[in-house]
N, C-alpha and C. Protein backbone atom coordinates (compact mmCIF):
# COMPACT_ATOMS: atom_id res chain seq x y z
N MET A 1 112.24 113.26 133.27
CA MET A 1 113.27 114.36 133.07
C MET A 1 112.59 115.30 132.36
N ASN A 2 112.74 116.65 132.85
CA ASN A 2 112.10 117.82 132.24
C ASN A 2 113.15 118.60 131.63
N ASN A 3 113.02 118.95 130.31
CA ASN A 3 113.94 119.64 129.59
C ASN A 3 113.41 121.08 129.14
N GLU A 4 112.53 121.52 129.86
CA GLU A 4 111.95 122.82 129.38
C GLU A 4 112.89 123.92 129.62
N GLY A 5 113.03 124.73 128.64
CA GLY A 5 113.98 125.80 128.79
C GLY A 5 115.32 125.57 128.18
N GLU A 6 115.64 124.33 127.99
CA GLU A 6 116.96 123.93 127.54
C GLU A 6 116.86 123.67 125.99
N ASN A 7 117.97 124.14 125.32
CA ASN A 7 118.10 123.91 123.95
C ASN A 7 118.87 122.86 123.68
N VAL A 8 118.21 121.56 123.72
CA VAL A 8 118.86 120.28 123.53
C VAL A 8 118.23 119.74 122.27
N GLY A 9 119.16 119.08 121.49
CA GLY A 9 118.64 118.57 120.17
C GLY A 9 119.85 118.15 119.27
N VAL A 10 119.55 117.58 118.24
CA VAL A 10 120.44 117.20 117.27
C VAL A 10 121.23 118.43 116.61
N GLY A 11 122.49 118.36 116.73
CA GLY A 11 123.23 119.46 116.16
C GLY A 11 123.37 120.88 116.88
N SER A 12 122.81 120.70 118.18
CA SER A 12 122.85 121.98 119.02
C SER A 12 124.23 122.06 119.61
N THR A 13 124.97 123.23 119.21
CA THR A 13 126.34 123.36 119.76
C THR A 13 126.41 124.77 120.24
N SER A 14 127.50 125.18 120.81
CA SER A 14 127.75 126.45 121.31
C SER A 14 128.60 127.27 120.36
N ILE A 15 128.89 126.70 119.00
CA ILE A 15 129.60 127.38 118.01
C ILE A 15 128.52 128.29 117.17
N ASP A 16 129.00 129.57 116.94
CA ASP A 16 128.17 130.38 116.08
C ASP A 16 128.26 129.99 114.66
N PRO A 17 127.17 129.76 113.89
CA PRO A 17 127.06 129.27 112.60
C PRO A 17 127.76 130.22 111.71
N LYS A 18 127.96 131.50 112.01
CA LYS A 18 128.57 132.48 111.19
C LYS A 18 129.97 132.35 111.06
N ASP A 19 130.61 131.69 112.07
CA ASP A 19 131.99 131.47 112.20
C ASP A 19 132.49 130.21 111.55
N LEU A 20 131.56 129.32 111.02
CA LEU A 20 131.92 128.19 110.43
C LEU A 20 132.31 128.49 108.88
N LYS A 21 133.18 127.75 108.44
CA LYS A 21 133.71 127.78 107.08
C LYS A 21 133.49 126.43 106.35
N VAL A 22 132.70 126.36 105.32
CA VAL A 22 132.36 125.08 104.68
C VAL A 22 132.71 125.30 103.27
N ASN A 23 133.42 124.29 102.68
CA ASN A 23 133.64 124.31 101.22
C ASN A 23 132.82 123.26 100.53
N LEU A 24 131.94 123.74 99.61
CA LEU A 24 130.97 122.92 98.96
C LEU A 24 131.30 122.94 97.45
N ASP A 25 131.28 121.88 96.75
CA ASP A 25 131.43 121.87 95.32
C ASP A 25 130.03 122.43 94.72
N PRO A 26 130.10 123.51 93.88
CA PRO A 26 128.92 124.14 93.51
C PRO A 26 128.14 123.17 92.58
N GLU A 27 128.88 122.31 91.71
CA GLU A 27 128.22 121.33 90.81
C GLU A 27 127.50 120.30 91.64
N THR A 28 128.02 119.74 92.68
CA THR A 28 127.29 118.72 93.53
C THR A 28 126.18 119.51 94.28
N LEU A 29 126.21 120.57 94.76
CA LEU A 29 125.27 121.31 95.35
C LEU A 29 124.09 121.44 94.40
N ARG A 30 124.41 121.86 93.20
CA ARG A 30 123.33 122.12 92.13
C ARG A 30 122.58 120.63 91.87
N LYS A 31 123.37 119.61 91.91
CA LYS A 31 122.65 118.39 91.63
C LYS A 31 121.66 117.93 92.85
N VAL A 32 122.26 118.29 93.98
CA VAL A 32 121.42 117.89 95.22
C VAL A 32 120.19 118.77 95.17
N MET A 33 120.25 120.04 94.88
CA MET A 33 119.12 120.91 94.93
C MET A 33 118.13 120.53 93.76
N LYS A 34 118.62 120.09 92.71
CA LYS A 34 117.80 119.67 91.54
C LYS A 34 116.98 118.33 91.93
N ASP A 35 117.69 117.36 92.48
CA ASP A 35 116.98 116.15 93.06
C ASP A 35 115.90 116.36 94.11
N TYR A 36 116.30 117.43 95.01
CA TYR A 36 115.41 117.74 96.12
C TYR A 36 114.12 118.38 95.50
N LYS A 37 114.27 119.18 94.61
CA LYS A 37 113.07 119.94 93.96
C LYS A 37 112.27 119.03 93.28
N LYS A 38 112.88 118.04 92.52
CA LYS A 38 112.07 117.03 91.83
C LYS A 38 111.35 116.12 92.68
N LEU A 39 111.89 115.81 93.89
CA LEU A 39 111.19 115.06 94.90
C LEU A 39 110.05 115.67 95.60
N ARG A 40 110.21 116.98 95.88
CA ARG A 40 109.22 117.77 96.39
C ARG A 40 108.09 118.05 95.34
N ARG A 41 108.35 118.07 94.17
CA ARG A 41 107.24 118.30 93.07
C ARG A 41 106.52 116.96 93.04
N TYR A 42 107.23 115.89 93.13
CA TYR A 42 106.52 114.51 93.03
C TYR A 42 105.64 114.34 94.35
N MET A 43 106.10 114.81 95.42
CA MET A 43 105.33 114.59 96.65
C MET A 43 103.99 115.48 96.56
N LYS A 44 104.03 116.53 95.86
CA LYS A 44 102.83 117.44 95.81
C LYS A 44 101.88 116.92 94.68
N SER A 45 102.28 115.92 93.78
CA SER A 45 101.45 115.50 92.74
C SER A 45 100.35 114.58 93.21
N PRO A 46 99.27 114.42 92.44
CA PRO A 46 98.21 113.60 92.76
C PRO A 46 98.55 112.22 92.59
N LEU A 47 99.58 111.97 91.78
CA LEU A 47 99.99 110.50 91.56
C LEU A 47 100.63 109.91 92.82
N TYR A 48 101.33 110.79 93.49
CA TYR A 48 102.03 110.38 94.76
C TYR A 48 100.95 110.12 95.73
N GLN A 49 99.88 111.01 95.82
CA GLN A 49 98.83 110.88 96.80
C GLN A 49 98.09 109.50 96.48
N ILE A 50 97.80 109.16 95.26
CA ILE A 50 97.15 107.93 94.97
C ILE A 50 97.94 106.69 95.32
N LYS A 51 99.24 106.78 94.84
CA LYS A 51 100.18 105.56 95.19
C LYS A 51 100.32 105.50 96.83
N LYS A 52 100.31 106.52 97.38
CA LYS A 52 100.47 106.51 98.93
C LYS A 52 99.33 105.94 99.57
N MET A 53 98.12 106.22 99.09
CA MET A 53 96.84 105.65 99.61
C MET A 53 96.74 104.12 99.20
N ASP A 54 97.27 103.72 97.95
CA ASP A 54 97.19 102.38 97.66
C ASP A 54 98.26 101.53 98.28
N GLY A 55 99.31 102.12 98.87
CA GLY A 55 100.30 101.51 99.49
C GLY A 55 101.41 101.01 98.51
N LYS A 56 101.39 101.52 97.30
CA LYS A 56 102.38 101.04 96.26
C LYS A 56 103.50 102.12 96.01
N GLU A 57 103.52 103.15 96.92
CA GLU A 57 104.53 104.22 96.66
C GLU A 57 105.82 103.66 97.21
N LYS A 58 106.84 103.79 96.34
CA LYS A 58 108.16 103.30 96.67
C LYS A 58 109.36 104.22 96.87
N VAL A 59 109.29 105.34 96.11
CA VAL A 59 110.35 106.26 96.11
C VAL A 59 110.50 107.04 97.33
N ILE A 60 109.58 107.76 97.92
CA ILE A 60 109.70 108.50 99.17
C ILE A 60 109.78 107.51 100.24
N SER A 61 108.96 106.39 100.21
CA SER A 61 109.02 105.41 101.41
C SER A 61 110.47 104.79 101.53
N LYS A 62 111.12 104.57 100.49
CA LYS A 62 112.49 104.02 100.54
C LYS A 62 113.34 105.09 101.20
N LEU A 63 113.20 106.25 100.85
CA LEU A 63 114.10 107.30 101.41
C LEU A 63 113.89 107.54 102.79
N MET A 64 112.65 107.47 103.27
CA MET A 64 112.23 107.66 104.64
C MET A 64 112.74 106.49 105.54
N GLU A 65 112.70 105.18 104.97
CA GLU A 65 113.29 104.14 105.58
C GLU A 65 114.85 104.23 105.84
N GLU A 66 115.48 104.68 104.85
CA GLU A 66 116.87 104.97 105.00
C GLU A 66 117.25 105.93 106.00
N LEU A 67 116.40 106.97 106.04
CA LEU A 67 116.56 108.05 107.01
C LEU A 67 116.44 107.53 108.52
N GLU A 68 115.41 106.63 108.76
CA GLU A 68 115.22 106.02 110.08
C GLU A 68 116.42 105.21 110.46
N GLY A 69 117.09 104.59 109.34
CA GLY A 69 118.21 103.68 109.74
C GLY A 69 119.48 104.44 110.14
N ILE A 70 119.51 105.78 109.89
CA ILE A 70 120.76 106.50 110.08
C ILE A 70 120.86 106.78 111.65
């Protein structure tokens, strides 16, 4: 099956994103952003790289396994 030229994927719809109205709790959003930044900083650290090479890294690996299960 050839899908060249078609915009097919997860979340692709014909709805214009500018027309969507989403209510987000600012406090929850702030917490999610803080956790995300902390994880990104950890992934850039030498400690993460060493643990990843040793096979002892658990934090990011656990999150990736959960993501695959969704």
